[in-house]
Structure formats: C-alpha cells, structure tokens
C-alpha cells in the first residue's frame, strides 16, 4: 500500500480527480476517519481541504506519482 500526505486547494481538486481517474486501480483519500474515493469530485470536495490529506492506493502509475509529488508534504 502506497500512501502520500498532501494538501489540496479547492481550485486543484478537479485536476487531482482527473489524474486519479486515469489510473486503473482504486485510490482513496482521507482525513481522520473520513475516507472517500479519490475519483469522486463530490467526495473530495466534501473533505476538509484545510487539513493534511492522505492518499492511499495499491498500484503504480508513474504519471500519478509525479503528479502527487507536486502536492507532497515533508513529513
């Protein structure tokens, strides 16, 4: 299971969901106990975007990894 800690702004959600949708594996995004499908724009917008979000998935896509690196936080 791969995980990344990211921070998203509202104006970045559409591009994030589009990048997740291009992957052929399930991707979850969560904050505390709330877990939603990262391919759902409504689900992602329902999260508290002021908080650090965790992206979790089983799979590998080089383009998605590169895309996530733009939002990655140093932990």
PDB file of N, CA and C in Angstrom:
ATOM      1  N   UNK A   1       0.846  -1.177   0.000  1.00  0.00           N
ATOM      2  CA  UNK A   1       0.000   0.000   0.000  1.00  0.00           C
ATOM      3  C   UNK A   1       0.891   1.240   0.000  1.00  0.00           C
ATOM      4  N   UNK A   2       0.678   2.085  -0.940  1.00  0.00           N
ATOM      5  CA  UNK A   2       1.409   3.347  -1.022  1.00  0.00           C
ATOM      6  C   UNK A   2       0.558   4.436  -0.378  1.00  0.00           C
ATOM      7  N   UNK A   3       1.203   5.340   0.339  1.00  0.00           N
ATOM      8  CA  UNK A   3       0.494   6.476   0.934  1.00  0.00           C
ATOM      9  C   UNK A   3       1.312   7.743   0.723  1.00  0.00           C
ATOM     10  N   UNK A   4       0.605   8.829   0.529  1.00  0.00           N
ATOM     11  CA  UNK A   4       1.220  10.148   0.389  1.00  0.00           C
ATOM     12  C   UNK A   4       0.408  11.132   1.208  1.00  0.00           C
ATOM     13  N   UNK A   5       1.088  12.029   1.884  1.00  0.00           N
ATOM     14  CA  UNK A   5       0.446  13.126   2.602  1.00  0.00           C
ATOM     15  C   UNK A   5       0.475  14.333   1.673  1.00  0.00           C
ATOM     16  N   UNK A   6      -0.704  14.909   1.418  1.00  0.00           N
ATOM     17  CA  UNK A   6      -0.788  16.045   0.504  1.00  0.00           C
ATOM     18  C   UNK A   6      -1.680  17.122   1.094  1.00  0.00           C
ATOM     19  N   UNK A   7      -1.639  18.267   0.467  1.00  0.00           N
ATOM     20  CA  UNK A   7      -2.558  19.356   0.770  1.00  0.00           C
ATOM     21  C   UNK A   7      -3.092  19.858  -0.563  1.00  0.00           C
ATOM     22  N   UNK A   8      -4.417  19.987  -0.663  1.00  0.00           N
ATOM     23  CA  UNK A   8      -5.075  20.437  -1.890  1.00  0.00           C
ATOM     24  C   UNK A   8      -5.823  21.735  -1.639  1.00  0.00           C
ATOM     25  N   UNK A   9      -5.870  22.563  -2.659  1.00  0.00           N
ATOM     26  CA  UNK A   9      -6.732  23.744  -2.643  1.00  0.00           C
ATOM     27  C   UNK A   9      -7.975  23.408  -3.469  1.00  0.00           C
ATOM     28  N   UNK A  10      -9.039  24.134  -3.274  1.00  0.00           N
ATOM     29  CA  UNK A  10     -10.294  23.879  -3.988  1.00  0.00           C
ATOM     30  C   UNK A  10     -10.079  23.933  -5.500  1.00  0.00           C
ATOM     31  N   UNK A  11      -9.272  24.864  -5.975  1.00  0.00           N
ATOM     32  CA  UNK A  11      -9.063  25.001  -7.418  1.00  0.00           C
ATOM     33  C   UNK A  11      -8.203  23.872  -7.998  1.00  0.00           C
ATOM     34  N   UNK A  12      -7.600  23.039  -7.165  1.00  0.00           N
ATOM     35  CA  UNK A  12      -6.782  21.922  -7.635  1.00  0.00           C
ATOM     36  C   UNK A  12      -7.533  20.591  -7.645  1.00  0.00           C
ATOM     37  N   UNK A  13      -8.722  20.551  -7.050  1.00  0.00           N
ATOM     38  CA  UNK A  13      -9.455  19.299  -6.895  1.00  0.00           C
ATOM     39  C   UNK A  13      -9.812  18.692  -8.245  1.00  0.00           C
ATOM     40  N   UNK A  14     -10.281  19.489  -9.186  1.00  0.00           N
ATOM     41  CA  UNK A  14     -10.688  18.965 -10.494  1.00  0.00           C
ATOM     42  C   UNK A  14      -9.527  18.250 -11.189  1.00  0.00           C
ATOM     43  N   UNK A  15      -8.345  18.848 -11.185  1.00  0.00           N
ATOM     44  CA  UNK A  15      -7.178  18.223 -11.815  1.00  0.00           C
ATOM     45  C   UNK A  15      -6.725  16.982 -11.054  1.00  0.00           C
ATOM     46  N   UNK A  16      -6.812  17.016  -9.719  1.00  0.00           N
ATOM     47  CA  UNK A  16      -6.442  15.854  -8.917  1.00  0.00           C
ATOM     48  C   UNK A  16      -7.345  14.670  -9.240  1.00  0.00           C
ATOM     49  N   UNK A  17      -8.646  14.901  -9.277  1.00  0.00           N
ATOM     50  CA  UNK A  17      -9.602  13.828  -9.581  1.00  0.00           C
ATOM     51  C   UNK A  17      -9.373  13.301 -10.996  1.00  0.00           C
ATOM     52  N   UNK A  18      -9.082  14.173 -11.940  1.00  0.00           N
ATOM     53  CA  UNK A  18      -8.812  13.731 -13.312  1.00  0.00           C
ATOM     54  C   UNK A  18      -7.570  12.845 -13.361  1.00  0.00           C
ATOM     55  N   UNK A  19      -6.534  13.210 -12.617  1.00  0.00           N
ATOM     56  CA  UNK A  19      -5.311  12.402 -12.579  1.00  0.00           C
ATOM     57  C   UNK A  19      -5.583  11.046 -11.936  1.00  0.00           C
ATOM     58  N   UNK A  20      -6.376  11.018 -10.884  1.00  0.00           N
ATOM     59  CA  UNK A  20      -6.716   9.756 -10.214  1.00  0.00           C
ATOM     60  C   UNK A  20      -7.558   8.872 -11.122  1.00  0.00           C
ATOM     61  N   UNK A  21      -8.452   9.466 -11.878  1.00  0.00           N
ATOM     62  CA  UNK A  21      -9.336   8.717 -12.767  1.00  0.00           C
ATOM     63  C   UNK A  21      -8.564   8.008 -13.870  1.00  0.00           C
ATOM     64  N   UNK A  22      -7.445   8.549 -14.279  1.00  0.00           N
ATOM     65  CA  UNK A  22      -6.634   7.916 -15.330  1.00  0.00           C
ATOM     66  C   UNK A  22      -5.949   6.637 -14.852  1.00  0.00           C
ATOM     67  N   UNK A  23      -5.922   6.390 -13.559  1.00  0.00           N
ATOM     68  CA  UNK A  23      -5.289   5.179 -13.016  1.00  0.00           C
ATOM     69  C   UNK A  23      -6.281   4.026 -13.043  1.00  0.00           C
ATOM     70  N   UNK A  24      -5.779   2.823 -13.258  1.00  0.00           N
ATOM     71  CA  UNK A  24      -6.656   1.652 -13.344  1.00  0.00           C
ATOM     72  C   UNK A  24      -6.749   0.887 -12.019  1.00  0.00           C
ATOM     73  N   UNK A  25      -6.436   1.535 -10.916  1.00  0.00           N
ATOM     74  CA  UNK A  25      -6.548   0.936  -9.589  1.00  0.00           C
ATOM     75  C   UNK A  25      -7.301   1.900  -8.682  1.00  0.00           C
ATOM     76  N   UNK A  26      -7.823   1.377  -7.570  1.00  0.00           N
ATOM     77  CA  UNK A  26      -8.580   2.197  -6.625  1.00  0.00           C
ATOM     78  C   UNK A  26      -7.654   3.117  -5.850  1.00  0.00           C
ATOM     79  N   UNK A  27      -8.121   4.338  -5.639  1.00  0.00           N
ATOM     80  CA  UNK A  27      -7.366   5.333  -4.884  1.00  0.00           C
ATOM     81  C   UNK A  27      -8.318   5.946  -3.860  1.00  0.00           C
ATOM     82  N   UNK A  28      -7.892   5.957  -2.606  1.00  0.00           N
ATOM     83  CA  UNK A  28      -8.672   6.579  -1.537  1.00  0.00           C
ATOM     84  C   UNK A  28      -7.951   7.820  -1.064  1.00  0.00           C
ATOM     85  N   UNK A  29      -8.732   8.786  -0.611  1.00  0.00           N
ATOM     86  CA  UNK A  29      -8.174   9.982   0.008  1.00  0.00           C
ATOM     87  C   UNK A  29      -8.913  10.172   1.321  1.00  0.00           C
ATOM     88  N   UNK A  30      -8.173  10.476   2.366  1.00  0.00           N
ATOM     89  CA  UNK A  30      -8.796  10.515   3.685  1.00  0.00           C
ATOM     90  C   UNK A  30      -8.270  11.649   4.543  1.00  0.00           C
ATOM     91  N   UNK A  31      -9.089  11.957   5.534  1.00  0.00           N
ATOM     92  CA  UNK A  31      -8.735  12.910   6.586  1.00  0.00           C
ATOM     93  C   UNK A  31      -9.390  12.377   7.853  1.00  0.00           C
ATOM     94  N   UNK A  32      -8.599  12.118   8.877  1.00  0.00           N
ATOM     95  CA  UNK A  32      -9.088  11.482  10.113  1.00  0.00           C
ATOM     96  C   UNK A  32      -9.796  10.182   9.773  1.00  0.00           C
ATOM     97  N   UNK A  33     -11.069  10.067  10.080  1.00  0.00           N
ATOM     98  CA  UNK A  33     -11.792   8.822   9.824  1.00  0.00           C
ATOM     99  C   UNK A  33     -12.640   8.874   8.561  1.00  0.00           C
ATOM    100  N   UNK A  34     -12.602   9.959   7.839  1.00  0.00           N
ATOM    101  CA  UNK A  34     -13.376  10.106   6.612  1.00  0.00           C
ATOM    102  C   UNK A  34     -12.544   9.638   5.427  1.00  0.00           C
ATOM    103  N   UNK A  35     -13.028   8.607   4.740  1.00  0.00           N
ATOM    104  CA  UNK A  35     -12.328   8.059   3.581  1.00  0.00           C
ATOM    105  C   UNK A  35     -13.272   8.137   2.394  1.00  0.00           C
ATOM    106  N   UNK A  36     -12.794   8.717   1.287  1.00  0.00           N
ATOM    107  CA  UNK A  36     -13.614   8.811   0.079  1.00  0.00           C
ATOM    108  C   UNK A  36     -12.806   8.329  -1.127  1.00  0.00           C
ATOM    109  N   UNK A  37     -13.524   8.027  -2.174  1.00  0.00           N
ATOM    110  CA  UNK A  37     -12.921   7.633  -3.440  1.00  0.00           C
ATOM    111  C   UNK A  37     -12.277   8.869  -4.066  1.00  0.00           C
ATOM    112  N   UNK A  38     -10.996   8.789  -4.369  1.00  0.00           N
ATOM    113  CA  UNK A  38     -10.283   9.937  -4.943  1.00  0.00           C
ATOM    114  C   UNK A  38     -10.726  10.243  -6.362  1.00  0.00           C
ATOM    115  N   UNK A  39     -11.510   9.352  -6.962  1.00  0.00           N
ATOM    116  CA  UNK A  39     -12.010   9.570  -8.316  1.00  0.00           C
ATOM    117  C   UNK A  39     -13.372  10.254  -8.308  1.00  0.00           C
ATOM    118  N   UNK A  40     -13.838  10.659  -7.125  1.00  0.00           N
ATOM    119  CA  UNK A  40     -15.127  11.322  -6.960  1.00  0.00           C
ATOM    120  C   UNK A  40     -14.907  12.783  -6.593  1.00  0.00           C
ATOM    121  N   UNK A  41     -15.260  13.674  -7.495  1.00  0.00           N
ATOM    122  CA  UNK A  41     -15.049  15.102  -7.230  1.00  0.00           C
ATOM    123  C   UNK A  41     -15.910  15.561  -6.055  1.00  0.00           C
ATOM    124  N   UNK A  42     -17.126  15.049  -5.943  1.00  0.00           N
ATOM    125  CA  UNK A  42     -18.003  15.417  -4.829  1.00  0.00           C
ATOM    126  C   UNK A  42     -17.416  14.908  -3.514  1.00  0.00           C
ATOM    127  N   UNK A  43     -16.890  13.675  -3.531  1.00  0.00           N
ATOM    128  CA  UNK A  43     -16.288  13.119  -2.325  1.00  0.00           C
ATOM    129  C   UNK A  43     -15.089  13.919  -1.861  1.00  0.00           C
ATOM    130  N   UNK A  44     -14.207  14.271  -2.787  1.00  0.00           N
ATOM    131  CA  UNK A  44     -13.003  15.026  -2.426  1.00  0.00           C
ATOM    132  C   UNK A  44     -13.376  16.422  -1.932  1.00  0.00           C
ATOM    133  N   UNK A  45     -14.336  17.059  -2.582  1.00  0.00           N
ATOM    134  CA  UNK A  45     -14.761  18.386  -2.134  1.00  0.00           C
ATOM    135  C   UNK A  45     -15.439  18.333  -0.769  1.00  0.00           C
ATOM    136  N   UNK A  46     -15.948  17.172  -0.379  1.00  0.00           N
ATOM    137  CA  UNK A  46     -16.581  17.013   0.924  1.00  0.00           C
ATOM    138  C   UNK A  46     -15.601  16.921   2.074  1.00  0.00           C
ATOM    139  N   UNK A  47     -14.327  16.724   1.770  1.00  0.00           N
ATOM    140  CA  UNK A  47     -13.297  16.657   2.810  1.00  0.00           C
ATOM    141  C   UNK A  47     -12.904  18.063   3.252  1.00  0.00           C
ATOM    142  N   UNK A  48     -12.307  18.162   4.409  1.00  0.00           N
ATOM    143  CA  UNK A  48     -11.801  19.443   4.910  1.00  0.00           C
ATOM    144  C   UNK A  48     -10.463  19.716   4.230  1.00  0.00           C
ATOM    145  N   UNK A  49     -10.477  20.555   3.221  1.00  0.00           N
ATOM    146  CA  UNK A  49      -9.270  20.816   2.431  1.00  0.00           C
ATOM    147  C   UNK A  49      -8.258  21.696   3.158  1.00  0.00           C
ATOM    148  N   UNK A  50      -8.604  22.163   4.341  1.00  0.00           N
ATOM    149  CA  UNK A  50      -7.648  22.925   5.146  1.00  0.00           C
ATOM    150  C   UNK A  50      -6.714  22.002   5.917  1.00  0.00           C
ATOM    151  N   UNK A  51      -6.991  20.717   5.887  1.00  0.00           N
ATOM    152  CA  UNK A  51      -6.213  19.733   6.626  1.00  0.00           C
ATOM    153  C   UNK A  51      -5.278  18.958   5.698  1.00  0.00           C
ATOM    154  N   UNK A  52      -4.337  18.259   6.297  1.00  0.00           N
ATOM    155  CA  UNK A  52      -3.456  17.377   5.536  1.00  0.00           C
ATOM    156  C   UNK A  52      -4.241  16.116   5.193  1.00  0.00           C
ATOM    157  N   UNK A  53      -4.222  15.750   3.918  1.00  0.00           N
ATOM    158  CA  UNK A  53      -4.965  14.597   3.424  1.00  0.00           C
ATOM    159  C   UNK A  53      -4.003  13.450   3.143  1.00  0.00           C
ATOM    160  N   UNK A  54      -4.494  12.234   3.274  1.00  0.00           N
ATOM    161  CA  UNK A  54      -3.697  11.043   2.997  1.00  0.00           C
ATOM    162  C   UNK A  54      -4.263  10.342   1.772  1.00  0.00           C
ATOM    163  N   UNK A  55      -3.419  10.140   0.771  1.00  0.00           N
ATOM    164  CA  UNK A  55      -3.799   9.416  -0.441  1.00  0.00           C
ATOM    165  C   UNK A  55      -3.225   8.011  -0.315  1.00  0.00           C
ATOM    166  N   UNK A  56      -4.096   6.992  -0.454  1.00  0.00           N
ATOM    167  CA  UNK A  56      -3.682   5.592  -0.305  1.00  0.00           C
ATOM    168  C   UNK A  56      -4.126   4.798  -1.526  1.00  0.00           C
ATOM    169  N   UNK A  57      -3.249   3.901  -1.991  1.00  0.00           N
ATOM    170  CA  UNK A  57      -3.595   3.074  -3.149  1.00  0.00           C
ATOM    171  C   UNK A  57      -2.650   1.892  -3.255  1.00  0.00           C
ATOM    172  N   UNK A  58      -3.117   0.865  -3.936  1.00  0.00           N
ATOM    173  CA  UNK A  58      -2.321  -0.319  -4.256  1.00  0.00           C
ATOM    174  C   UNK A  58      -2.160  -0.339  -5.768  1.00  0.00           C
ATOM    175  N   UNK A  59      -1.039   0.038  -6.230  1.00  0.00           N
ATOM    176  CA  UNK A  59      -0.790   0.094  -7.667  1.00  0.00           C
ATOM    177  C   UNK A  59       0.322   1.076  -7.929  1.00  0.00           C
ATOM    178  N   UNK A  60       0.685   1.192  -9.187  1.00  0.00           N
ATOM    179  CA  UNK A  60       1.741   2.134  -9.539  1.00  0.00           C
ATOM    180  C   UNK A  60       1.454   2.724 -10.906  1.00  0.00           C
ATOM    181  N   UNK A  61       1.521   4.027 -10.975  1.00  0.00           N
ATOM    182  CA  UNK A  61       1.406   4.761 -12.229  1.00  0.00           C
ATOM    183  C   UNK A  61       2.389   5.916 -12.132  1.00  0.00           C
ATOM    184  N   UNK A  62       3.387   5.915 -12.995  1.00  0.00           N
ATOM    185  CA  UNK A  62       4.460   6.909 -12.908  1.00  0.00           C
ATOM    186  C   UNK A  62       3.941   8.336 -13.040  1.00  0.00           C
ATOM    187  N   UNK A  63       2.980   8.565 -13.936  1.00  0.00           N
ATOM    188  CA  UNK A  63       2.433   9.907 -14.101  1.00  0.00           C
ATOM    189  C   UNK A  63       1.712  10.372 -12.836  1.00  0.00           C
ATOM    190  N   UNK A  64       0.965   9.458 -12.206  1.00  0.00           N
ATOM    191  CA  UNK A  64       0.256   9.820 -10.978  1.00  0.00           C
ATOM    192  C   UNK A  64       1.238  10.100  -9.848  1.00  0.00           C
ATOM    193  N   UNK A  65       2.296   9.302  -9.766  1.00  0.00           N
ATOM    194  CA  UNK A  65       3.338   9.541  -8.754  1.00  0.00           C
ATOM    195  C   UNK A  65       3.958  10.928  -8.942  1.00  0.00           C
ATOM    196  N   UNK A  66       4.289  11.274 -10.179  1.00  0.00           N
ATOM    197  CA  UNK A  66       4.851  12.598 -10.459  1.00  0.00           C
ATOM    198  C   UNK A  66       3.862  13.703 -10.106  1.00  0.00           C
ATOM    199  N   UNK A  67       2.590  13.467 -10.432  1.00  0.00           N
ATOM    200  CA  UNK A  67       1.558  14.459 -10.129  1.00  0.00           C
ATOM    201  C   UNK A  67       1.442  14.666  -8.616  1.00  0.00           C
ATOM    202  N   UNK A  68       1.449  13.575  -7.842  1.00  0.00           N
ATOM    203  CA  UNK A  68       1.344  13.687  -6.389  1.00  0.00           C
ATOM    204  C   UNK A  68       2.531  14.421  -5.773  1.00  0.00           C
ATOM    205  N   UNK A  69       3.677  14.314  -6.380  1.00  0.00           N
ATOM    206  CA  UNK A  69       4.860  14.989  -5.850  1.00  0.00           C
ATOM    207  C   UNK A  69       4.702  16.511  -5.826  1.00  0.00           C
ATOM    208  N   UNK A  70       3.804  17.048  -6.663  1.00  0.00           N
ATOM    209  CA  UNK A  70       3.560  18.499  -6.649  1.00  0.00           C
ATOM    210  C   UNK A  70       2.839  18.924  -5.377  1.00  0.00           C
ATOM    211  N   UNK A  71       2.101  18.006  -4.763  1.00  0.00           N
ATOM    212  CA  UNK A  71       1.308  18.329  -3.580  1.00  0.00           C
ATOM    213  C   UNK A  71       1.900  17.752  -2.297  1.00  0.00           C
ATOM    214  N   UNK A  72       2.975  17.007  -2.418  1.00  0.00           N
ATOM    215  CA  UNK A  72       3.529  16.279  -1.274  1.00  0.00           C
ATOM    216  C   UNK A  72       4.022  17.227  -0.184  1.00  0.00           C
ATOM    217  N   UNK A  73       3.842  16.759   1.034  1.00  0.00           N
ATOM    218  CA  UNK A  73       4.340  17.486   2.209  1.00  0.00           C
ATOM    219  C   UNK A  73       5.503  16.723   2.796  1.00  0.00           C
ATOM    220  N   UNK A  74       6.458  17.439   3.318  1.00  0.00           N
ATOM    221  CA  UNK A  74       7.589  16.786   4.005  1.00  0.00           C
ATOM    222  C   UNK A  74       7.107  16.343   5.370  1.00  0.00           C
ATOM    223  N   UNK A  75       7.230  15.067   5.646  1.00  0.00           N
ATOM    224  CA  UNK A  75       6.783  14.533   6.946  1.00  0.00           C
ATOM    225  C   UNK A  75       7.940  13.884   7.659  1.00  0.00           C
TER     226      UNK A  75
END
